[in-house]
């Protein structure tokens, strides 16, 4: 398995994986997520692939894309009481449900960490929906700790 930057030829597979993520989110929060939705259209993916501030990594084995990691560099400069720093935000990580348990997610996550270190980032952050227990356990096993807690009341 190798981790590489995503390319336009990966868009159909990225779309399939985005549907898997949406299904998990819809099952956990149907009040927020539509069935069959995708976070990004093919056109939006084309634009993201050209944006150096939003790198997308894929895990590939034998020519097949097994998973992805969408990232965003967040550059914080002169923001009130906060220190100046660059964060790599892990916007979305997905491993094909048929490939889970093969350490694809960990390989992607480790590549994200390496990319962040190489770019001089202070930290890597992400958000995970509380209804996605398997993702929470995965990230905890990778050593992530809560940074802040989002809360809501549904009216």
N, C-alpha and C. Protein backbone atom coordinates (compact mmCIF):
# COMPACT_ATOMS: atom_id res chain seq x y z
N UNK A 1 0.85 -1.18 0.00
CA UNK A 1 0.00 0.00 0.00
C UNK A 1 0.89 1.23 0.00
N UNK A 2 0.48 2.23 -0.78
CA UNK A 2 1.21 3.49 -0.76
C UNK A 2 0.23 4.63 -0.57
N UNK A 3 0.72 5.69 0.05
CA UNK A 3 -0.05 6.90 0.27
C UNK A 3 0.50 7.94 -0.70
N UNK A 4 -0.41 8.60 -1.42
CA UNK A 4 -0.01 9.61 -2.39
C UNK A 4 -1.05 10.72 -2.42
N UNK A 5 -0.69 11.82 -3.10
CA UNK A 5 -1.66 12.90 -3.31
C UNK A 5 -2.71 12.42 -4.31
N UNK A 6 -3.94 12.80 -4.06
CA UNK A 6 -5.04 12.44 -4.96
C UNK A 6 -4.88 13.19 -6.29
N UNK A 7 -5.39 12.58 -7.34
CA UNK A 7 -5.35 13.14 -8.68
C UNK A 7 -6.75 13.10 -9.28
N UNK A 8 -6.94 13.81 -10.40
CA UNK A 8 -8.26 13.86 -11.02
C UNK A 8 -8.79 12.47 -11.35
N UNK A 9 -7.93 11.56 -11.72
CA UNK A 9 -8.38 10.20 -12.06
C UNK A 9 -9.01 9.49 -10.86
N UNK A 10 -8.79 10.00 -9.65
CA UNK A 10 -9.33 9.40 -8.43
C UNK A 10 -10.75 9.90 -8.11
N UNK A 11 -11.23 10.89 -8.82
CA UNK A 11 -12.51 11.51 -8.47
C UNK A 11 -13.66 10.51 -8.40
N UNK A 12 -13.83 9.59 -9.35
CA UNK A 12 -14.96 8.65 -9.21
C UNK A 12 -14.88 7.83 -7.91
N UNK A 13 -13.69 7.39 -7.54
CA UNK A 13 -13.54 6.61 -6.32
C UNK A 13 -13.74 7.47 -5.08
N UNK A 14 -13.23 8.70 -5.12
CA UNK A 14 -13.47 9.61 -4.00
C UNK A 14 -14.97 9.81 -3.80
N UNK A 15 -15.70 9.94 -4.90
CA UNK A 15 -17.14 10.09 -4.81
C UNK A 15 -17.81 8.91 -4.14
N UNK A 16 -17.37 7.69 -4.47
CA UNK A 16 -17.93 6.49 -3.84
C UNK A 16 -17.67 6.49 -2.34
N UNK A 17 -16.47 6.87 -1.96
CA UNK A 17 -16.11 6.89 -0.53
C UNK A 17 -16.86 8.00 0.21
N UNK A 18 -17.04 9.14 -0.45
CA UNK A 18 -17.82 10.21 0.16
C UNK A 18 -19.25 9.77 0.45
N UNK A 19 -19.80 8.93 -0.42
CA UNK A 19 -21.15 8.39 -0.18
C UNK A 19 -21.17 7.50 1.06
N UNK A 20 -20.10 6.71 1.25
CA UNK A 20 -20.03 5.85 2.45
C UNK A 20 -20.01 6.70 3.72
N UNK A 21 -19.25 7.79 3.70
CA UNK A 21 -19.19 8.67 4.87
C UNK A 21 -20.56 9.28 5.14
N UNK A 22 -21.21 9.72 4.08
CA UNK A 22 -22.53 10.33 4.26
C UNK A 22 -23.52 9.32 4.85
N UNK A 23 -23.42 8.08 4.42
CA UNK A 23 -24.32 7.05 4.95
C UNK A 23 -24.14 6.89 6.45
N UNK A 24 -22.89 6.85 6.91
CA UNK A 24 -22.61 6.74 8.34
C UNK A 24 -23.19 7.95 9.08
N UNK A 25 -22.98 9.13 8.53
CA UNK A 25 -23.48 10.34 9.17
C UNK A 25 -25.01 10.39 9.15
N UNK A 26 -25.61 9.99 8.04
CA UNK A 26 -27.08 9.98 7.94
C UNK A 26 -27.68 8.99 8.95
N UNK A 27 -27.04 7.83 9.11
CA UNK A 27 -27.55 6.84 10.08
C UNK A 27 -27.47 7.39 11.50
N UNK A 28 -26.43 8.16 11.79
CA UNK A 28 -26.26 8.71 13.14
C UNK A 28 -27.04 9.98 13.39
N UNK A 29 -27.20 10.81 12.35
CA UNK A 29 -27.88 12.09 12.50
C UNK A 29 -28.73 12.38 11.26
N UNK A 30 -29.82 11.62 11.08
CA UNK A 30 -30.67 11.87 9.91
C UNK A 30 -31.32 13.25 9.92
N UNK A 31 -31.33 13.90 11.08
CA UNK A 31 -31.86 15.26 11.15
C UNK A 31 -30.91 16.27 10.49
N UNK A 32 -29.65 15.90 10.34
CA UNK A 32 -28.66 16.81 9.74
C UNK A 32 -28.19 16.38 8.35
N UNK A 33 -28.08 15.07 8.12
CA UNK A 33 -27.48 14.56 6.89
C UNK A 33 -28.52 13.86 6.02
N UNK A 34 -28.56 14.25 4.73
CA UNK A 34 -29.46 13.63 3.76
C UNK A 34 -28.94 12.28 3.33
N UNK A 35 -29.84 11.34 3.11
CA UNK A 35 -29.47 10.05 2.56
C UNK A 35 -28.96 10.25 1.13
N UNK A 36 -27.85 9.61 0.80
CA UNK A 36 -27.32 9.67 -0.56
C UNK A 36 -26.60 10.95 -0.91
N UNK A 37 -26.35 11.81 0.08
CA UNK A 37 -25.65 13.06 -0.20
C UNK A 37 -24.14 12.86 -0.22
N UNK A 38 -23.47 13.85 -0.76
CA UNK A 38 -22.01 13.86 -0.78
C UNK A 38 -21.53 15.22 -0.32
N UNK A 39 -20.44 15.24 0.38
CA UNK A 39 -19.87 16.50 0.88
C UNK A 39 -19.38 17.38 -0.27
N UNK A 40 -18.84 16.75 -1.32
CA UNK A 40 -18.29 17.49 -2.46
C UNK A 40 -18.78 16.88 -3.77
N UNK A 41 -19.11 17.73 -4.72
CA UNK A 41 -19.44 17.27 -6.07
C UNK A 41 -18.13 17.00 -6.83
N UNK A 42 -18.25 16.40 -8.00
CA UNK A 42 -17.06 16.16 -8.82
C UNK A 42 -16.37 17.48 -9.17
N UNK A 43 -17.14 18.50 -9.49
CA UNK A 43 -16.56 19.81 -9.82
C UNK A 43 -15.84 20.41 -8.62
N UNK A 44 -16.42 20.28 -7.45
CA UNK A 44 -15.75 20.79 -6.25
C UNK A 44 -14.48 20.01 -5.97
N UNK A 45 -14.49 18.70 -6.22
CA UNK A 45 -13.28 17.90 -6.04
C UNK A 45 -12.18 18.34 -6.98
N UNK A 46 -12.52 18.66 -8.22
CA UNK A 46 -11.51 19.15 -9.18
C UNK A 46 -10.85 20.41 -8.66
N UNK A 47 -11.64 21.32 -8.11
CA UNK A 47 -11.08 22.55 -7.56
C UNK A 47 -10.20 22.27 -6.34
N UNK A 48 -10.66 21.38 -5.46
CA UNK A 48 -9.87 21.04 -4.27
C UNK A 48 -8.52 20.44 -4.65
N UNK A 49 -8.51 19.61 -5.69
CA UNK A 49 -7.26 18.96 -6.10
C UNK A 49 -6.21 19.96 -6.57
N UNK A 50 -6.65 21.14 -6.97
CA UNK A 50 -5.72 22.19 -7.44
C UNK A 50 -5.33 23.16 -6.32
N UNK A 51 -5.93 23.02 -5.15
CA UNK A 51 -5.73 23.96 -4.05
C UNK A 51 -4.63 23.44 -3.12
N UNK A 52 -3.49 24.08 -3.16
CA UNK A 52 -2.37 23.65 -2.33
C UNK A 52 -2.62 23.78 -0.84
N UNK A 53 -3.61 24.56 -0.44
CA UNK A 53 -3.94 24.72 0.97
C UNK A 53 -4.91 23.64 1.45
N UNK A 54 -5.38 22.78 0.54
CA UNK A 54 -6.36 21.75 0.89
C UNK A 54 -5.92 20.39 0.30
N UNK A 55 -4.79 19.86 0.76
CA UNK A 55 -4.30 18.60 0.19
C UNK A 55 -5.23 17.42 0.48
N UNK A 56 -5.31 16.52 -0.48
CA UNK A 56 -6.07 15.28 -0.34
C UNK A 56 -5.10 14.13 -0.57
N UNK A 57 -5.03 13.24 0.38
CA UNK A 57 -4.20 12.03 0.27
C UNK A 57 -5.09 10.84 0.01
N UNK A 58 -4.56 9.86 -0.72
CA UNK A 58 -5.27 8.59 -0.91
C UNK A 58 -4.34 7.44 -0.57
N UNK A 59 -4.94 6.37 -0.07
CA UNK A 59 -4.22 5.11 0.16
C UNK A 59 -4.56 4.22 -1.03
N UNK A 60 -3.52 3.73 -1.67
CA UNK A 60 -3.71 2.93 -2.89
C UNK A 60 -2.99 1.60 -2.73
N UNK A 61 -3.64 0.55 -3.19
CA UNK A 61 -3.04 -0.78 -3.16
C UNK A 61 -3.42 -1.49 -4.45
N UNK A 62 -2.42 -1.88 -5.24
CA UNK A 62 -2.69 -2.56 -6.50
C UNK A 62 -3.52 -1.74 -7.47
N UNK A 63 -3.36 -0.42 -7.42
CA UNK A 63 -4.11 0.47 -8.30
C UNK A 63 -5.49 0.85 -7.79
N UNK A 64 -5.93 0.27 -6.67
CA UNK A 64 -7.25 0.57 -6.11
C UNK A 64 -7.11 1.56 -4.96
N UNK A 65 -7.94 2.59 -4.95
CA UNK A 65 -7.96 3.55 -3.85
C UNK A 65 -8.81 2.95 -2.73
N UNK A 66 -8.18 2.77 -1.56
CA UNK A 66 -8.83 2.15 -0.41
C UNK A 66 -9.38 3.17 0.58
N UNK A 67 -8.87 4.39 0.53
CA UNK A 67 -9.31 5.41 1.46
C UNK A 67 -8.71 6.75 1.12
N UNK A 68 -9.15 7.77 1.85
CA UNK A 68 -8.66 9.13 1.61
C UNK A 68 -8.56 9.90 2.91
N UNK A 69 -7.82 11.01 2.83
CA UNK A 69 -7.76 12.01 3.91
C UNK A 69 -7.80 13.39 3.27
N UNK A 70 -8.86 14.14 3.56
CA UNK A 70 -8.99 15.53 3.10
C UNK A 70 -8.44 16.42 4.21
N UNK A 71 -7.55 17.33 3.86
CA UNK A 71 -6.91 18.20 4.85
C UNK A 71 -7.05 19.67 4.44
N UNK A 72 -6.89 20.54 5.43
CA UNK A 72 -6.92 21.98 5.20
C UNK A 72 -5.87 22.64 6.09
N UNK A 73 -4.97 23.41 5.49
CA UNK A 73 -4.05 24.21 6.30
C UNK A 73 -4.82 25.41 6.84
N UNK A 74 -4.75 25.61 8.14
CA UNK A 74 -5.37 26.77 8.78
C UNK A 74 -4.25 27.60 9.37
N UNK A 75 -4.09 28.79 8.82
CA UNK A 75 -2.99 29.67 9.23
C UNK A 75 -3.55 30.76 10.13
N UNK A 76 -3.12 30.74 11.37
CA UNK A 76 -3.60 31.69 12.38
C UNK A 76 -2.50 32.71 12.66
N UNK A 77 -2.75 33.95 12.31
CA UNK A 77 -1.77 35.02 12.51
C UNK A 77 -2.50 36.22 13.10
N UNK A 78 -2.01 36.70 14.24
CA UNK A 78 -2.54 37.92 14.83
C UNK A 78 -4.01 37.85 15.20
N UNK A 79 -4.44 36.73 15.72
CA UNK A 79 -5.85 36.54 16.08
C UNK A 79 -6.05 36.72 17.58
N UNK A 80 -6.25 37.94 17.98
CA UNK A 80 -6.56 38.25 19.37
C UNK A 80 -5.57 37.68 20.35
N UNK A 81 -6.05 36.86 21.27
CA UNK A 81 -5.20 36.32 22.33
C UNK A 81 -4.52 35.01 21.95
N UNK A 82 -4.75 34.52 20.71
CA UNK A 82 -4.17 33.24 20.30
C UNK A 82 -2.75 33.42 19.78
N UNK A 83 -1.93 32.41 20.00
CA UNK A 83 -0.58 32.37 19.44
C UNK A 83 -0.66 32.23 17.92
N UNK A 84 0.35 32.76 17.22
CA UNK A 84 0.45 32.55 15.78
C UNK A 84 0.86 31.10 15.55
N UNK A 85 0.16 30.43 14.65
CA UNK A 85 0.50 29.03 14.36
C UNK A 85 -0.21 28.57 13.09
N UNK A 86 0.29 27.48 12.56
CA UNK A 86 -0.36 26.81 11.45
C UNK A 86 -0.83 25.45 11.93
N UNK A 87 -2.08 25.15 11.66
CA UNK A 87 -2.71 23.89 12.01
C UNK A 87 -3.04 23.15 10.73
N UNK A 88 -2.87 21.86 10.73
CA UNK A 88 -3.40 21.05 9.64
C UNK A 88 -4.68 20.42 10.16
N UNK A 89 -5.80 20.83 9.58
CA UNK A 89 -7.11 20.33 9.97
C UNK A 89 -7.44 19.13 9.10
N UNK A 90 -7.69 18.00 9.73
CA UNK A 90 -8.08 16.78 9.03
C UNK A 90 -9.59 16.84 8.86
N UNK A 91 -10.01 17.27 7.69
CA UNK A 91 -11.42 17.54 7.41
C UNK A 91 -12.23 16.26 7.27
N UNK A 92 -11.63 15.22 6.75
CA UNK A 92 -12.38 13.99 6.50
C UNK A 92 -11.39 12.86 6.24
N UNK A 93 -11.58 11.74 6.91
CA UNK A 93 -10.78 10.54 6.66
C UNK A 93 -11.76 9.38 6.48
N UNK A 94 -11.58 8.63 5.40
CA UNK A 94 -12.47 7.51 5.12
C UNK A 94 -11.66 6.34 4.61
N UNK A 95 -12.00 5.17 5.11
CA UNK A 95 -11.48 3.90 4.58
C UNK A 95 -12.68 3.12 4.09
N UNK A 96 -12.56 2.58 2.89
CA UNK A 96 -13.65 1.77 2.33
C UNK A 96 -14.06 0.73 3.36
N UNK A 97 -15.37 0.61 3.57
CA UNK A 97 -15.86 -0.31 4.60
C UNK A 97 -15.40 -1.75 4.35
N UNK A 98 -15.10 -2.11 3.10
CA UNK A 98 -14.63 -3.46 2.78
C UNK A 98 -13.16 -3.66 3.15
N UNK A 99 -12.46 -2.56 3.46
CA UNK A 99 -11.01 -2.64 3.75
C UNK A 99 -10.68 -2.34 5.20
N UNK A 100 -11.68 -2.18 6.03
CA UNK A 100 -11.41 -1.81 7.41
C UNK A 100 -10.70 -2.96 8.13
N UNK A 101 -9.87 -2.61 9.08
CA UNK A 101 -9.11 -3.61 9.83
C UNK A 101 -7.77 -3.95 9.18
N UNK A 102 -7.46 -3.30 8.06
CA UNK A 102 -6.19 -3.57 7.35
C UNK A 102 -5.17 -2.46 7.57
N UNK A 103 -5.41 -1.60 8.53
CA UNK A 103 -4.51 -0.51 8.93
C UNK A 103 -4.39 0.59 7.87
N UNK A 104 -5.36 0.68 6.98
CA UNK A 104 -5.37 1.73 5.97
C UNK A 104 -5.56 3.09 6.64
N UNK A 105 -6.49 3.18 7.57
CA UNK A 105 -6.75 4.44 8.26
C UNK A 105 -5.52 4.93 9.00
N UNK A 106 -4.84 4.01 9.66
CA UNK A 106 -3.64 4.41 10.41
C UNK A 106 -2.54 4.89 9.46
N UNK A 107 -2.40 4.23 8.30
CA UNK A 107 -1.40 4.67 7.32
C UNK A 107 -1.73 6.07 6.81
N UNK A 108 -3.00 6.33 6.54
CA UNK A 108 -3.40 7.67 6.11
C UNK A 108 -3.14 8.70 7.21
N UNK A 109 -3.53 8.37 8.42
CA UNK A 109 -3.34 9.30 9.54
C UNK A 109 -1.85 9.59 9.74
N UNK A 110 -1.02 8.57 9.69
CA UNK A 110 0.42 8.78 9.85
C UNK A 110 0.98 9.66 8.74
N UNK A 111 0.46 9.51 7.52
CA UNK A 111 0.89 10.36 6.41
C UNK A 111 0.45 11.81 6.62
N UNK A 112 -0.73 12.00 7.19
CA UNK A 112 -1.19 13.35 7.53
C UNK A 112 -0.25 13.97 8.55
N UNK A 113 0.13 13.22 9.58
CA UNK A 113 1.07 13.73 10.59
C UNK A 113 2.40 14.11 9.95
N UNK A 114 2.91 13.27 9.07
CA UNK A 114 4.18 13.54 8.41
C UNK A 114 4.08 14.81 7.55
N UNK A 115 2.97 14.97 6.84
CA UNK A 115 2.78 16.15 6.00
C UNK A 115 2.73 17.41 6.88
N UNK A 116 2.05 17.32 8.02
CA UNK A 116 1.95 18.46 8.93
C UNK A 116 3.32 18.82 9.49
N UNK A 117 4.08 17.83 9.89
CA UNK A 117 5.43 18.10 10.42
C UNK A 117 6.30 18.76 9.36
N UNK A 118 6.24 18.22 8.14
CA UNK A 118 7.05 18.76 7.04
C UNK A 118 6.68 20.21 6.76
N UNK A 119 5.42 20.57 6.92
CA UNK A 119 4.97 21.94 6.67
C UNK A 119 5.18 22.85 7.87
N UNK A 120 5.71 22.33 8.96
CA UNK A 120 5.98 23.14 10.14
C UNK A 120 4.73 23.45 10.96
N UNK A 121 3.73 22.62 10.87
CA UNK A 121 2.49 22.84 11.62
C UNK A 121 2.71 22.62 13.12
N UNK A 122 1.95 23.35 13.90
CA UNK A 122 1.98 23.17 15.35
C UNK A 122 1.20 21.93 15.76
N UNK A 123 0.06 21.69 15.09
CA UNK A 123 -0.80 20.57 15.49
C UNK A 123 -1.65 20.09 14.32
N UNK A 124 -2.30 18.98 14.54
CA UNK A 124 -3.30 18.43 13.64
C UNK A 124 -4.59 18.37 14.44
N UNK A 125 -5.66 18.89 13.88
CA UNK A 125 -6.94 18.86 14.56
C UNK A 125 -7.99 18.23 13.65
N UNK A 126 -9.09 17.85 14.25
CA UNK A 126 -10.21 17.29 13.49
C UNK A 126 -11.46 17.39 14.34
N UNK A 127 -12.58 17.20 13.71
CA UNK A 127 -13.86 17.08 14.41
C UNK A 127 -14.41 15.71 14.10
N UNK A 128 -15.09 15.12 15.06
CA UNK A 128 -15.73 13.83 14.84
C UNK A 128 -17.12 13.91 15.47
N UNK A 129 -18.11 13.42 14.74
CA UNK A 129 -19.48 13.42 15.24
C UNK A 129 -19.60 12.43 16.39
N UNK A 130 -20.23 12.83 17.47
CA UNK A 130 -20.35 11.96 18.64
C UNK A 130 -21.13 10.69 18.34
N UNK A 131 -21.95 10.69 17.29
CA UNK A 131 -22.69 9.49 16.91
C UNK A 131 -21.82 8.46 16.18
N UNK A 132 -20.58 8.83 15.86
CA UNK A 132 -19.68 7.94 15.12
C UNK A 132 -18.65 7.34 16.09
N UNK A 133 -19.13 6.39 16.88
CA UNK A 133 -18.29 5.78 17.92
C UNK A 133 -17.05 5.11 17.38
N UNK A 134 -17.14 4.45 16.23
CA UNK A 134 -15.95 3.76 15.70
C UNK A 134 -14.88 4.77 15.31
N UNK A 135 -15.27 5.91 14.76
CA UNK A 135 -14.29 6.94 14.42
C UNK A 135 -13.66 7.51 15.68
N UNK A 136 -14.47 7.74 16.70
CA UNK A 136 -13.93 8.27 17.95
C UNK A 136 -12.90 7.31 18.55
N UNK A 137 -13.23 6.02 18.54
CA UNK A 137 -12.28 5.03 19.07
C UNK A 137 -11.00 4.98 18.24
N UNK A 138 -11.13 5.07 16.92
CA UNK A 138 -9.96 5.07 16.04
C UNK A 138 -9.04 6.24 16.38
N UNK A 139 -9.61 7.45 16.45
CA UNK A 139 -8.78 8.62 16.72
C UNK A 139 -8.17 8.58 18.12
N UNK A 140 -8.89 8.09 19.10
CA UNK A 140 -8.32 7.93 20.43
C UNK A 140 -7.17 6.94 20.41
N UNK A 141 -7.31 5.86 19.64
CA UNK A 141 -6.22 4.87 19.53
C UNK A 141 -5.00 5.47 18.83
N UNK A 142 -5.21 6.48 18.01
CA UNK A 142 -4.10 7.18 17.34
C UNK A 142 -3.45 8.22 18.25
N UNK A 143 -4.01 8.42 19.45
CA UNK A 143 -3.41 9.32 20.41
C UNK A 143 -4.04 10.70 20.47
N UNK A 144 -5.13 10.93 19.74
CA UNK A 144 -5.78 12.23 19.80
C UNK A 144 -6.53 12.39 21.11
N UNK A 145 -6.56 13.62 21.58
CA UNK A 145 -7.26 13.98 22.82
C UNK A 145 -8.24 15.10 22.51
N UNK A 146 -9.34 15.20 23.26
CA UNK A 146 -10.28 16.31 23.03
C UNK A 146 -9.58 17.65 23.20
N UNK A 147 -9.86 18.55 22.27
CA UNK A 147 -9.33 19.91 22.34
C UNK A 147 -10.41 20.86 22.87
N UNK A 148 -11.61 20.68 22.37
CA UNK A 148 -12.77 21.44 22.81
C UNK A 148 -14.00 20.59 22.54
N UNK A 149 -15.11 20.97 23.11
CA UNK A 149 -16.33 20.18 22.98
C UNK A 149 -17.42 21.07 22.38
N UNK A 150 -18.04 20.61 21.31
CA UNK A 150 -19.18 21.30 20.73
C UNK A 150 -20.46 20.75 21.36
N UNK A 151 -21.39 21.62 21.65
CA UNK A 151 -22.63 21.19 22.28
C UNK A 151 -23.80 21.80 21.53
N UNK A 152 -24.98 21.20 21.67
CA UNK A 152 -26.15 21.72 20.98
C UNK A 152 -27.40 21.45 21.78
N UNK A 153 -28.44 22.17 21.45
CA UNK A 153 -29.79 21.86 21.88
C UNK A 153 -30.65 21.95 20.62
N UNK A 154 -31.43 20.94 20.35
CA UNK A 154 -32.29 20.94 19.17
C UNK A 154 -33.62 21.55 19.56
N UNK A 155 -34.06 22.52 18.82
CA UNK A 155 -35.28 23.25 19.14
C UNK A 155 -36.48 22.68 18.39
